Structures are given as C-alpha cells and as structure tokens.
N, C-alpha and C. Protein backbone atom coordinates (compact mmCIF):
# COMPACT_ATOMS: atom_id res chain seq x y z
N MET A 1 -63.75 -85.79 132.49
CA MET A 1 -63.03 -86.29 133.70
C MET A 1 -63.90 -86.10 134.86
N MET A 2 -64.57 -85.06 135.18
CA MET A 2 -65.61 -84.95 136.29
C MET A 2 -66.62 -86.07 136.18
N ASN A 3 -67.22 -86.41 134.85
CA ASN A 3 -68.15 -87.40 134.85
C ASN A 3 -67.70 -88.81 135.14
N ARG A 4 -66.46 -88.96 134.92
CA ARG A 4 -65.86 -90.32 135.24
C ARG A 4 -65.79 -90.46 136.78
N MET A 5 -65.45 -89.38 137.48
CA MET A 5 -65.29 -89.37 138.90
C MET A 5 -66.65 -89.46 139.58
N LYS A 6 -67.68 -88.95 138.88
CA LYS A 6 -69.09 -89.08 139.54
C LYS A 6 -69.64 -90.79 139.27
N LEU A 7 -69.10 -91.18 138.40
CA LEU A 7 -69.45 -92.71 138.28
C LEU A 7 -68.47 -93.61 139.04
N PHE A 8 -67.21 -93.26 139.27
CA PHE A 8 -66.10 -94.05 139.88
C PHE A 8 -66.49 -94.02 141.41
N ILE A 9 -66.89 -93.07 142.04
CA ILE A 9 -67.02 -93.01 143.51
C ILE A 9 -68.11 -93.93 143.97
N PRO A 10 -69.33 -93.81 143.24
CA PRO A 10 -70.48 -94.78 143.80
C PRO A 10 -70.15 -96.25 143.44
N THR A 11 -69.38 -96.47 142.30
CA THR A 11 -68.97 -97.84 141.87
C THR A 11 -68.04 -98.35 142.98
N PHE A 12 -67.12 -97.44 143.41
CA PHE A 12 -66.15 -97.80 144.34
C PHE A 12 -66.71 -98.27 145.66
N LEU A 13 -67.68 -97.38 146.04
CA LEU A 13 -68.40 -97.63 147.36
C LEU A 13 -69.03 -98.80 147.40
N LEU A 14 -69.80 -99.34 146.30
CA LEU A 14 -70.62 -100.28 146.09
C LEU A 14 -69.75 -101.45 146.16
N LEU A 15 -68.49 -101.61 145.66
CA LEU A 15 -67.54 -102.84 145.63
C LEU A 15 -67.05 -103.00 147.11
N VAL A 16 -66.73 -101.77 147.68
CA VAL A 16 -66.43 -101.92 149.22
C VAL A 16 -67.35 -102.52 149.93
N PHE A 17 -68.63 -102.19 149.82
CA PHE A 17 -69.78 -102.62 150.54
C PHE A 17 -69.85 -104.03 150.36
N LEU A 18 -70.01 -104.43 149.14
CA LEU A 18 -70.18 -105.83 148.60
C LEU A 18 -69.12 -106.69 149.16
N ALA A 19 -67.83 -106.28 149.25
CA ALA A 19 -66.77 -107.11 149.78
C ALA A 19 -66.82 -107.19 151.40
N ALA A 20 -67.28 -106.20 152.06
CA ALA A 20 -67.49 -106.25 153.39
C ALA A 20 -68.61 -107.33 153.71
N CYS A 21 -69.56 -107.53 152.90
CA CYS A 21 -70.59 -108.46 153.04
C CYS A 21 -70.21 -109.90 152.80
N GLY A 22 -69.17 -110.18 152.41
CA GLY A 22 -68.88 -111.54 151.68
C GLY A 22 -68.39 -112.62 152.88
N GLY A 23 -69.21 -112.64 153.84
CA GLY A 23 -68.83 -113.88 154.99
C GLY A 23 -67.77 -113.22 155.92
N GLU A 24 -67.40 -112.23 155.90
CA GLU A 24 -66.34 -111.54 156.98
C GLU A 24 -67.11 -111.03 158.27
N ILE A 25 -66.39 -111.34 159.35
CA ILE A 25 -66.88 -110.93 160.62
C ILE A 25 -66.41 -109.68 160.90
N GLU A 26 -67.35 -108.79 161.45
CA GLU A 26 -67.12 -107.56 161.85
C GLU A 26 -66.23 -107.62 163.07
N GLU A 27 -64.91 -107.36 163.03
CA GLU A 27 -64.04 -107.47 164.24
C GLU A 27 -64.03 -106.22 165.09
N ASN A 28 -63.94 -106.49 166.49
CA ASN A 28 -63.84 -105.11 167.17
C ASN A 28 -62.74 -105.41 168.35
N MET A 29 -61.87 -106.40 167.95
CA MET A 29 -60.68 -106.47 168.66
C MET A 29 -59.49 -107.22 168.00
N SER A 30 -58.34 -106.95 168.28
CA SER A 30 -57.23 -107.70 167.64
C SER A 30 -56.05 -107.80 168.74
N ARG A 31 -56.07 -109.05 169.38
CA ARG A 31 -55.20 -109.12 170.32
C ARG A 31 -54.61 -110.75 170.29
N ASP A 32 -53.31 -110.99 170.43
CA ASP A 32 -52.63 -112.29 170.41
C ASP A 32 -52.82 -112.87 171.71
N ILE A 33 -53.26 -114.19 171.80
CA ILE A 33 -53.39 -115.07 173.11
C ILE A 33 -51.94 -115.15 173.65
N GLU A 34 -51.79 -114.85 174.89
CA GLU A 34 -50.48 -115.09 175.67
C GLU A 34 -50.66 -116.65 175.98
N PRO A 35 -49.41 -117.25 176.10
CA PRO A 35 -49.31 -118.56 176.40
C PRO A 35 -49.84 -118.98 177.82
N LEU A 36 -50.41 -119.91 178.06
CA LEU A 36 -50.84 -120.56 179.45
C LEU A 36 -51.02 -121.95 179.49
N SER A 37 -50.63 -122.68 180.62
CA SER A 37 -50.80 -123.86 180.91
C SER A 37 -51.98 -123.97 181.90
N ALA A 38 -52.70 -125.07 181.98
CA ALA A 38 -53.86 -125.20 182.75
C ALA A 38 -54.17 -126.63 182.67
N VAL A 39 -55.23 -126.91 183.54
CA VAL A 39 -55.78 -128.26 183.57
C VAL A 39 -57.41 -128.04 183.55
N ASN A 40 -58.11 -128.90 182.87
CA ASN A 40 -59.40 -128.81 182.74
C ASN A 40 -60.18 -129.60 183.74
N GLN A 41 -61.58 -129.56 183.56
CA GLN A 41 -62.42 -130.04 184.76
C GLN A 41 -62.22 -131.52 184.91
N ASN A 42 -61.44 -132.27 184.04
CA ASN A 42 -61.16 -133.78 184.20
C ASN A 42 -59.76 -133.80 184.72
N GLY A 43 -58.91 -132.84 185.09
CA GLY A 43 -57.35 -132.87 185.45
C GLY A 43 -56.56 -133.01 184.31
N ASP A 44 -57.16 -132.98 182.99
CA ASP A 44 -56.17 -133.20 181.95
C ASP A 44 -55.51 -131.84 181.61
N GLU A 45 -54.13 -131.88 181.37
CA GLU A 45 -53.28 -130.64 181.14
C GLU A 45 -53.63 -130.22 179.76
N VAL A 46 -53.87 -128.88 179.86
CA VAL A 46 -54.28 -128.18 178.54
C VAL A 46 -53.28 -126.78 178.47
N LYS A 47 -52.78 -126.78 177.19
CA LYS A 47 -52.13 -125.46 176.85
C LYS A 47 -52.93 -124.79 175.76
N LEU A 48 -52.89 -123.45 175.98
CA LEU A 48 -53.83 -122.61 174.88
C LEU A 48 -53.35 -122.98 173.50
N LYS A 49 -52.20 -123.24 173.27
CA LYS A 49 -51.72 -123.78 171.99
C LYS A 49 -52.39 -124.99 171.32
N ASP A 50 -53.11 -125.75 172.39
CA ASP A 50 -53.83 -127.07 171.98
C ASP A 50 -55.09 -126.43 171.16
N TYR A 51 -55.50 -125.35 171.29
CA TYR A 51 -56.60 -124.88 170.50
C TYR A 51 -56.36 -124.37 169.08
N GLU A 52 -55.08 -124.20 168.77
CA GLU A 52 -54.52 -123.75 167.48
C GLU A 52 -55.29 -124.68 166.48
N GLY A 53 -55.81 -124.03 165.60
CA GLY A 53 -56.32 -124.73 164.28
C GLY A 53 -57.86 -124.78 164.30
N THR A 54 -58.37 -124.18 165.41
CA THR A 54 -59.87 -124.20 165.54
C THR A 54 -60.26 -122.85 166.04
N TYR A 55 -61.40 -122.31 165.68
CA TYR A 55 -62.00 -121.25 166.35
C TYR A 55 -62.43 -121.59 167.87
N TRP A 56 -62.32 -120.67 168.79
CA TRP A 56 -62.91 -121.00 170.08
C TRP A 56 -63.59 -119.64 170.75
N VAL A 57 -64.48 -119.85 171.55
CA VAL A 57 -65.20 -118.75 172.29
C VAL A 57 -64.85 -119.00 173.71
N ALA A 58 -64.30 -118.05 174.32
CA ALA A 58 -63.87 -117.98 175.66
C ALA A 58 -64.59 -117.01 176.53
N ASP A 59 -64.66 -117.29 177.90
CA ASP A 59 -64.88 -116.30 179.07
C ASP A 59 -64.49 -116.55 180.30
N PHE A 60 -64.70 -115.79 181.32
CA PHE A 60 -64.03 -115.76 182.62
C PHE A 60 -65.08 -115.79 183.61
N ILE A 61 -64.95 -117.01 184.61
CA ILE A 61 -65.90 -117.24 185.57
C ILE A 61 -65.24 -117.69 186.85
N PHE A 62 -65.92 -117.81 187.93
CA PHE A 62 -65.48 -118.74 189.01
C PHE A 62 -66.74 -119.32 189.72
N THR A 63 -66.47 -120.36 190.48
CA THR A 63 -67.59 -121.05 191.09
C THR A 63 -68.38 -120.58 192.03
N SER A 64 -67.63 -119.79 192.78
CA SER A 64 -68.39 -119.10 194.05
C SER A 64 -68.91 -117.65 193.91
N CYS A 65 -68.94 -117.31 192.44
CA CYS A 65 -69.60 -116.06 191.90
C CYS A 65 -70.97 -115.96 192.36
N ASP A 66 -71.46 -115.00 192.73
CA ASP A 66 -72.84 -114.89 193.27
C ASP A 66 -73.57 -113.66 192.37
N THR A 67 -72.87 -113.27 191.40
CA THR A 67 -73.58 -112.30 190.66
C THR A 67 -73.81 -112.83 189.07
N VAL A 68 -72.58 -112.71 188.29
CA VAL A 68 -72.71 -112.71 186.74
C VAL A 68 -72.39 -114.02 186.27
N CYS A 69 -71.61 -114.79 187.06
CA CYS A 69 -70.98 -116.13 186.44
C CYS A 69 -72.15 -117.13 186.06
N PRO A 70 -73.10 -117.42 186.99
CA PRO A 70 -74.31 -118.21 186.69
C PRO A 70 -74.96 -117.93 185.29
N PRO A 71 -75.46 -116.55 185.19
CA PRO A 71 -76.11 -116.20 184.03
C PRO A 71 -75.17 -116.36 182.67
N MET A 72 -73.90 -116.16 182.80
CA MET A 72 -72.90 -116.21 181.81
C MET A 72 -72.67 -117.63 181.39
N THR A 73 -72.52 -118.63 182.45
CA THR A 73 -72.48 -119.96 182.06
C THR A 73 -73.56 -120.55 181.54
N GLY A 74 -74.84 -120.04 181.87
CA GLY A 74 -76.07 -120.30 181.38
C GLY A 74 -76.28 -120.02 179.81
N ASN A 75 -75.68 -118.75 179.52
CA ASN A 75 -75.53 -118.27 178.13
C ASN A 75 -74.67 -119.19 177.37
N MET A 76 -73.55 -119.45 178.03
CA MET A 76 -72.50 -120.40 177.15
C MET A 76 -73.07 -121.51 176.98
N ALA A 77 -74.02 -122.21 177.87
CA ALA A 77 -74.77 -123.59 177.56
C ALA A 77 -75.78 -123.25 176.52
N ARG A 78 -76.38 -122.15 176.49
CA ARG A 78 -77.30 -121.78 175.50
C ARG A 78 -76.63 -121.88 173.99
N LEU A 79 -75.34 -121.15 174.17
CA LEU A 79 -74.51 -121.22 172.76
C LEU A 79 -74.18 -122.53 172.36
N GLN A 80 -73.88 -123.25 173.26
CA GLN A 80 -73.43 -124.72 172.91
C GLN A 80 -74.54 -125.37 172.25
N GLN A 81 -75.78 -125.28 172.77
CA GLN A 81 -76.84 -125.92 172.23
C GLN A 81 -77.30 -125.36 170.76
N LYS A 82 -77.20 -124.18 170.70
CA LYS A 82 -77.40 -123.45 169.36
C LYS A 82 -76.44 -123.79 168.38
N MET A 83 -75.15 -124.04 168.81
CA MET A 83 -74.12 -124.49 167.99
C MET A 83 -74.34 -126.05 167.34
N LYS A 84 -74.88 -126.71 168.51
CA LYS A 84 -75.25 -127.99 168.02
C LYS A 84 -76.57 -127.98 167.01
N ASP A 85 -77.51 -127.17 167.32
CA ASP A 85 -78.69 -127.19 166.51
C ASP A 85 -78.42 -126.68 164.98
N GLU A 86 -77.40 -126.07 165.00
CA GLU A 86 -76.94 -125.36 163.64
C GLU A 86 -75.84 -126.23 162.92
N GLY A 87 -75.35 -127.36 163.52
CA GLY A 87 -74.39 -128.17 163.02
C GLY A 87 -72.97 -127.63 163.03
N ILE A 88 -72.74 -126.75 163.92
CA ILE A 88 -71.28 -126.06 164.14
C ILE A 88 -70.73 -126.99 165.20
N ASP A 89 -69.71 -127.72 164.83
CA ASP A 89 -69.22 -128.64 165.66
C ASP A 89 -67.64 -128.58 165.66
N ASN A 90 -67.24 -127.45 164.95
CA ASN A 90 -65.73 -127.29 164.89
C ASN A 90 -65.22 -126.05 165.68
N VAL A 91 -66.10 -125.70 166.89
CA VAL A 91 -65.64 -124.56 167.62
C VAL A 91 -65.61 -125.03 168.99
N GLN A 92 -64.71 -124.53 169.78
CA GLN A 92 -64.22 -125.04 171.16
C GLN A 92 -64.66 -123.94 172.05
N LEU A 93 -65.45 -124.14 173.07
CA LEU A 93 -65.83 -123.28 174.18
C LEU A 93 -64.77 -123.47 175.41
N VAL A 94 -64.41 -122.29 176.06
CA VAL A 94 -63.38 -122.30 177.13
C VAL A 94 -63.92 -121.38 177.91
N SER A 95 -63.96 -121.80 179.28
CA SER A 95 -64.21 -120.85 180.39
C SER A 95 -63.16 -121.08 181.33
N PHE A 96 -62.60 -119.84 181.67
CA PHE A 96 -61.29 -119.66 182.37
C PHE A 96 -61.79 -119.42 183.77
N SER A 97 -61.28 -120.20 184.93
CA SER A 97 -61.63 -119.76 186.28
C SER A 97 -60.73 -118.53 186.65
N VAL A 98 -61.24 -117.48 187.37
CA VAL A 98 -60.44 -116.42 187.80
C VAL A 98 -60.24 -116.55 189.33
N ASP A 99 -60.37 -117.59 189.86
CA ASP A 99 -60.12 -118.01 191.19
C ASP A 99 -59.48 -119.45 191.13
N PRO A 100 -58.47 -119.58 190.63
CA PRO A 100 -57.65 -120.90 190.58
C PRO A 100 -57.37 -121.54 191.90
N GLU A 101 -57.24 -120.76 192.89
CA GLU A 101 -56.85 -121.26 194.23
C GLU A 101 -58.08 -122.12 194.77
N THR A 102 -59.11 -121.61 194.54
CA THR A 102 -60.55 -122.30 195.04
C THR A 102 -60.89 -123.34 194.08
N ASP A 103 -60.93 -123.11 192.65
CA ASP A 103 -61.52 -123.80 191.82
C ASP A 103 -60.68 -124.89 191.29
N THR A 104 -60.75 -126.10 192.09
CA THR A 104 -60.08 -127.23 191.61
C THR A 104 -60.73 -127.78 190.33
N PRO A 105 -60.17 -128.79 189.75
CA PRO A 105 -60.89 -129.33 188.68
C PRO A 105 -62.20 -129.95 188.97
N GLU A 106 -62.21 -130.61 190.30
CA GLU A 106 -63.37 -131.28 190.91
C GLU A 106 -64.50 -130.21 191.08
N LYS A 107 -64.19 -129.12 191.76
CA LYS A 107 -65.13 -128.04 191.98
C LYS A 107 -65.64 -127.36 190.59
N LEU A 108 -64.88 -127.15 189.63
CA LEU A 108 -65.20 -126.73 188.29
C LEU A 108 -66.20 -127.60 187.78
N LYS A 109 -66.05 -128.93 187.89
CA LYS A 109 -66.82 -129.99 187.24
C LYS A 109 -68.32 -130.08 187.73
N ALA A 110 -68.21 -129.91 189.11
CA ALA A 110 -69.47 -129.95 189.92
C ALA A 110 -70.18 -128.68 189.57
N PHE A 111 -69.53 -127.43 189.45
CA PHE A 111 -70.29 -126.29 189.02
C PHE A 111 -70.63 -126.31 187.59
N ALA A 112 -70.14 -126.89 186.59
CA ALA A 112 -70.28 -127.02 185.28
C ALA A 112 -71.52 -128.14 184.93
N ASP A 113 -71.51 -129.25 185.80
CA ASP A 113 -72.46 -130.18 185.59
C ASP A 113 -73.85 -129.69 185.56
N ALA A 114 -74.18 -128.72 186.41
CA ALA A 114 -75.38 -128.14 186.37
C ALA A 114 -75.96 -127.56 185.05
N TYR A 115 -74.96 -127.36 184.11
CA TYR A 115 -75.30 -126.62 182.99
C TYR A 115 -75.31 -127.51 181.76
N GLN A 116 -75.11 -128.88 181.94
CA GLN A 116 -75.16 -129.96 181.05
C GLN A 116 -74.17 -129.72 179.84
N PRO A 117 -73.08 -129.43 180.13
CA PRO A 117 -71.99 -129.14 178.96
C PRO A 117 -71.67 -130.51 178.16
N ASP A 118 -71.27 -130.36 177.08
CA ASP A 118 -70.81 -131.45 176.35
C ASP A 118 -69.24 -131.20 176.51
N TYR A 119 -68.52 -131.93 177.42
CA TYR A 119 -67.04 -131.80 177.60
C TYR A 119 -66.24 -132.04 176.54
N GLU A 120 -66.73 -132.57 175.47
CA GLU A 120 -65.91 -132.80 174.19
C GLU A 120 -65.74 -131.50 173.48
N MET A 121 -66.62 -130.33 173.75
CA MET A 121 -66.46 -129.09 172.97
C MET A 121 -66.36 -127.92 174.10
N TRP A 122 -66.36 -128.26 175.41
CA TRP A 122 -66.42 -127.15 176.33
C TRP A 122 -65.52 -127.42 177.56
N ASP A 123 -64.21 -126.64 177.74
CA ASP A 123 -63.43 -126.82 178.77
C ASP A 123 -63.59 -125.75 179.69
N PHE A 124 -63.39 -126.32 181.12
CA PHE A 124 -63.46 -125.32 182.14
C PHE A 124 -61.95 -125.38 182.58
N LEU A 125 -61.26 -124.30 182.68
CA LEU A 125 -59.80 -124.30 183.00
C LEU A 125 -59.44 -123.81 184.34
N THR A 126 -58.22 -124.27 184.89
CA THR A 126 -57.86 -123.84 186.22
C THR A 126 -56.49 -124.25 186.29
N GLY A 127 -55.84 -124.39 187.47
CA GLY A 127 -54.51 -124.97 187.51
C GLY A 127 -53.40 -124.04 187.12
N TYR A 128 -53.62 -122.70 187.31
CA TYR A 128 -52.52 -121.71 187.03
C TYR A 128 -52.55 -120.82 188.29
N GLU A 129 -51.72 -119.80 188.21
CA GLU A 129 -51.66 -118.96 189.41
C GLU A 129 -52.66 -117.62 189.11
N PHE A 130 -53.01 -117.19 190.13
CA PHE A 130 -54.13 -115.89 189.73
C PHE A 130 -53.27 -114.86 188.91
N GLU A 131 -52.08 -114.66 189.27
CA GLU A 131 -51.40 -113.52 188.51
C GLU A 131 -51.39 -113.99 187.02
N GLU A 132 -51.19 -115.28 186.69
CA GLU A 132 -51.05 -115.72 185.37
C GLU A 132 -52.43 -115.57 184.57
N VAL A 133 -53.65 -115.86 185.27
CA VAL A 133 -54.82 -115.58 184.58
C VAL A 133 -55.26 -114.09 184.56
N ARG A 134 -54.87 -113.28 185.47
CA ARG A 134 -54.92 -111.98 185.53
C ARG A 134 -54.13 -111.35 184.24
N GLU A 135 -53.00 -111.73 184.19
CA GLU A 135 -52.19 -111.15 182.95
C GLU A 135 -52.83 -111.66 181.60
N LEU A 136 -53.29 -112.82 181.60
CA LEU A 136 -54.08 -113.32 180.47
C LEU A 136 -55.14 -112.38 180.10
N SER A 137 -56.08 -112.07 180.98
CA SER A 137 -57.26 -111.33 180.88
C SER A 137 -56.78 -109.92 180.53
N TYR A 138 -55.71 -109.29 181.10
CA TYR A 138 -55.42 -108.02 180.76
C TYR A 138 -54.91 -107.92 179.19
N LYS A 139 -53.84 -108.77 178.98
CA LYS A 139 -53.13 -108.64 177.67
C LYS A 139 -53.77 -109.24 176.59
N SER A 140 -54.44 -110.45 176.73
CA SER A 140 -55.15 -110.99 175.61
C SER A 140 -56.48 -110.53 175.29
N PHE A 141 -57.05 -110.23 176.39
CA PHE A 141 -58.62 -110.02 176.33
C PHE A 141 -59.07 -108.79 176.56
N GLN A 142 -58.13 -107.75 176.88
CA GLN A 142 -58.15 -106.38 177.32
C GLN A 142 -59.42 -106.17 178.32
N SER A 143 -59.18 -106.91 179.45
CA SER A 143 -60.40 -107.02 180.28
C SER A 143 -59.72 -107.06 181.75
N ALA A 144 -60.11 -106.17 182.58
CA ALA A 144 -59.55 -106.13 183.99
C ALA A 144 -60.10 -107.29 184.86
N LEU A 145 -59.12 -107.66 185.78
CA LEU A 145 -59.48 -108.81 186.62
C LEU A 145 -58.80 -108.37 187.98
N GLU A 146 -59.61 -108.27 189.00
CA GLU A 146 -59.14 -107.74 190.29
C GLU A 146 -59.81 -108.75 191.45
N ASP A 147 -58.98 -109.24 192.34
CA ASP A 147 -59.55 -109.88 193.57
C ASP A 147 -59.87 -108.84 194.60
N MET A 148 -61.23 -109.01 194.96
CA MET A 148 -61.92 -108.08 195.80
C MET A 148 -61.45 -108.27 197.23
N PRO A 149 -60.69 -107.25 197.81
CA PRO A 149 -60.34 -107.73 199.34
C PRO A 149 -61.53 -107.93 200.41
N ASP A 150 -61.21 -108.64 201.18
CA ASP A 150 -62.15 -109.06 202.29
C ASP A 150 -63.48 -109.77 201.90
N THR A 151 -63.35 -110.32 200.66
CA THR A 151 -64.72 -111.00 200.17
C THR A 151 -64.06 -112.42 199.43
N ASP A 152 -64.99 -113.17 198.99
CA ASP A 152 -64.55 -114.45 198.20
C ASP A 152 -65.01 -114.01 196.63
N GLN A 153 -65.17 -112.84 196.34
CA GLN A 153 -65.62 -112.48 195.01
C GLN A 153 -64.39 -111.79 194.20
N MET A 154 -64.61 -111.85 193.01
CA MET A 154 -63.64 -111.46 191.98
C MET A 154 -64.29 -110.34 191.20
N SER A 155 -63.53 -109.24 190.64
CA SER A 155 -64.06 -108.34 189.77
C SER A 155 -63.54 -108.76 188.30
N HIS A 156 -64.47 -109.08 187.55
CA HIS A 156 -63.82 -109.54 186.02
C HIS A 156 -64.77 -109.12 185.09
N GLY A 157 -64.38 -109.36 183.74
CA GLY A 157 -65.11 -108.91 182.73
C GLY A 157 -66.28 -109.92 182.36
N THR A 158 -67.16 -109.52 181.59
CA THR A 158 -68.33 -110.32 181.40
C THR A 158 -68.65 -110.45 179.93
N ARG A 159 -67.60 -110.41 179.10
CA ARG A 159 -67.76 -110.63 177.70
C ARG A 159 -67.29 -111.96 177.43
N PHE A 160 -67.99 -112.31 176.23
CA PHE A 160 -67.46 -113.64 175.49
C PHE A 160 -66.66 -113.16 174.40
N TYR A 161 -65.37 -113.99 174.04
CA TYR A 161 -64.32 -113.53 173.09
C TYR A 161 -64.36 -114.72 172.02
N LEU A 162 -64.28 -114.16 170.80
CA LEU A 162 -64.00 -115.06 169.61
C LEU A 162 -62.57 -115.24 169.30
N VAL A 163 -61.88 -116.38 169.23
CA VAL A 163 -60.58 -116.40 169.08
C VAL A 163 -60.39 -117.23 167.75
N THR A 164 -59.33 -116.86 166.96
CA THR A 164 -59.23 -117.49 165.59
C THR A 164 -58.22 -118.61 165.85
N PRO A 165 -58.19 -119.41 164.71
CA PRO A 165 -57.36 -120.72 164.84
C PRO A 165 -55.93 -120.24 165.10
N GLU A 166 -55.45 -119.19 164.82
CA GLU A 166 -54.06 -118.64 164.94
C GLU A 166 -53.89 -118.00 166.09
N GLY A 167 -54.89 -118.03 167.11
CA GLY A 167 -54.68 -117.56 168.49
C GLY A 167 -54.81 -116.05 168.60
N LYS A 168 -55.58 -115.55 167.95
CA LYS A 168 -55.99 -113.93 167.94
C LYS A 168 -57.28 -113.72 168.16
N VAL A 169 -57.45 -112.79 169.34
CA VAL A 169 -58.81 -112.47 169.76
C VAL A 169 -59.32 -111.43 168.81
N ILE A 170 -60.48 -111.67 168.27
CA ILE A 170 -60.77 -110.84 167.18
C ILE A 170 -62.34 -109.98 167.45
N LYS A 171 -63.14 -110.66 168.31
CA LYS A 171 -64.41 -110.05 168.68
C LYS A 171 -64.74 -110.31 170.11
N HIS A 172 -65.39 -109.25 170.72
CA HIS A 172 -66.01 -109.61 171.90
C HIS A 172 -67.55 -109.32 171.83
N TYR A 173 -68.24 -109.94 172.76
CA TYR A 173 -69.86 -109.89 172.90
C TYR A 173 -70.19 -109.80 174.14
N LYS A 174 -71.48 -109.23 174.49
CA LYS A 174 -71.94 -109.25 175.83
C LYS A 174 -72.30 -110.60 176.44
N GLY A 175 -71.54 -111.09 177.54
CA GLY A 175 -71.81 -112.49 177.91
C GLY A 175 -73.13 -112.72 178.75
N THR A 176 -73.58 -111.53 179.40
CA THR A 176 -74.70 -111.80 180.13
C THR A 176 -75.97 -111.53 179.41
N GLU A 177 -75.84 -111.07 178.08
CA GLU A 177 -77.18 -111.00 177.46
C GLU A 177 -77.48 -112.27 176.48
N ALA A 178 -78.56 -112.95 176.71
CA ALA A 178 -78.91 -114.02 176.04
C ALA A 178 -79.02 -113.89 174.48
N ASP A 179 -79.48 -112.84 174.07
CA ASP A 179 -79.78 -112.52 172.58
C ASP A 179 -78.26 -112.38 171.91
N GLU A 180 -77.35 -112.07 172.75
CA GLU A 180 -76.00 -112.11 172.14
C GLU A 180 -75.51 -113.52 171.63
N MET A 181 -76.15 -114.44 172.09
CA MET A 181 -75.68 -115.76 171.61
C MET A 181 -76.05 -115.95 170.08
N ASP A 182 -77.02 -115.50 169.58
CA ASP A 182 -77.47 -115.46 168.19
C ASP A 182 -76.53 -114.67 167.51
N ARG A 183 -75.92 -113.55 167.89
CA ARG A 183 -74.98 -112.80 167.22
C ARG A 183 -73.73 -113.84 167.04
N ILE A 184 -73.21 -114.45 168.06
CA ILE A 184 -72.10 -115.31 168.01
C ILE A 184 -72.31 -116.36 166.81
N ILE A 185 -73.41 -117.07 166.93
CA ILE A 185 -74.02 -118.01 165.96
C ILE A 185 -73.95 -117.45 164.59
N GLU A 186 -74.42 -116.30 164.31
CA GLU A 186 -74.28 -115.84 162.91
C GLU A 186 -72.82 -115.59 162.62
N ASP A 187 -71.92 -115.11 163.45
CA ASP A 187 -70.56 -115.02 163.22
C ASP A 187 -69.95 -116.34 162.86
N LEU A 188 -70.34 -117.35 163.63
CA LEU A 188 -69.61 -118.73 163.56
C LEU A 188 -70.12 -119.44 162.40
N LYS A 189 -71.29 -118.99 161.67
CA LYS A 189 -71.82 -119.63 160.41
C LYS A 189 -71.06 -119.08 159.37
N LYS A 190 -70.48 -117.78 159.47
CA LYS A 190 -69.79 -116.99 158.39
C LYS A 190 -68.27 -117.71 158.23
N ILE A 191 -67.83 -118.38 159.36
CA ILE A 191 -66.51 -118.79 159.48
C ILE A 191 -66.45 -120.35 159.29
N SER A 192 -67.56 -121.14 159.70
CA SER A 192 -67.43 -122.50 159.70
C SER A 192 -67.97 -123.23 158.57
C-alpha cells in the first residue's frame, strides 16, 4: 500500500501540473460586470451587454489626467498593435472615462485620436453619471475611484482588466507598464 501511495502522489501532481498548462489563463479575479449604459467616442449608445460573446480588455482614464492616463492609453494602443500583429481580432478594448461630466464623446475622440486607435475594436466610453462609473469600478473591477476635491483630477486604478464573453472580470494587469502588454497577449493567445 505504501509503495502505491509513493507512486500515486507524484503521478497525481504531474497530472495537475499538465492540466494547468493546457491553455488556461491564471486568473487573479472573479467579478461579474455590473450593467452600464454609455455612449462611445462617436456618440453611439453602448451597453456593456453589447460586449457579451467576446473577450474584452478594459481600463479607466480621463482626458484631463496629467499623470497615469497618457501612458496607460499609450499602452492600450501598444496592446492594440500587438493584437493586430498576432492576428487577434476578436477582442474588444474598452476605456471608461472616470470624468463623464467633462469627457464628452467629442473630447474623448480628440484625446483618443492622438493614439491612432482602430475604433472598430476600441471604444472610449462616457455618458453616464460619475456615481455610476464609480460603482462599476468598485463592484466589478475592485478598484477605488475618487473625485479629488479642489482639482480637476481623479484618483483611479491603473490596471487593465480581462473580461470574459460571459461578462466576468477574471484577471488584472499593470496598465502603466509596457511589458505587461506582452503578458496580456500571451493570455489572449490562449483563449483566441
């Protein structure tokens, strides 16, 4: 009996290891997306349910941000180019404005144009109330979002988030680090 156990345990561990390497993404989150209605940079109405059936990568930005938003948007543009280079064309990119009172669709489009996005696969969203996007950030993405008094700045998270076709946030990445885009690409290759 003891000899069988000595053989069983290493075999079992090997099987668990091999199963974990079979195209699965190592998840570090599990949150359902709360419903939200918005408009994109073209003024088209968008509901988060519209993204069902496809994977998507999300972040939170605003156009008057003078710290992390420009590099994050640059990294999202880098991610979009890497996706195109790898032939990954079934993943949507979504940037939520955390300053919807200021960020009109026109203002978001002017901000976004500098990054040369492909608007067929990247939406910049606004058209909701601040409290709605704050609740979405907290409940769906486990990310704090606060209006900073006496400034035009917002305190928000800097992560990128991978969302499943079923509307579940399953992984976050460091949105301010360019090399993280390679990690996202590796994960997208496993699922696309």
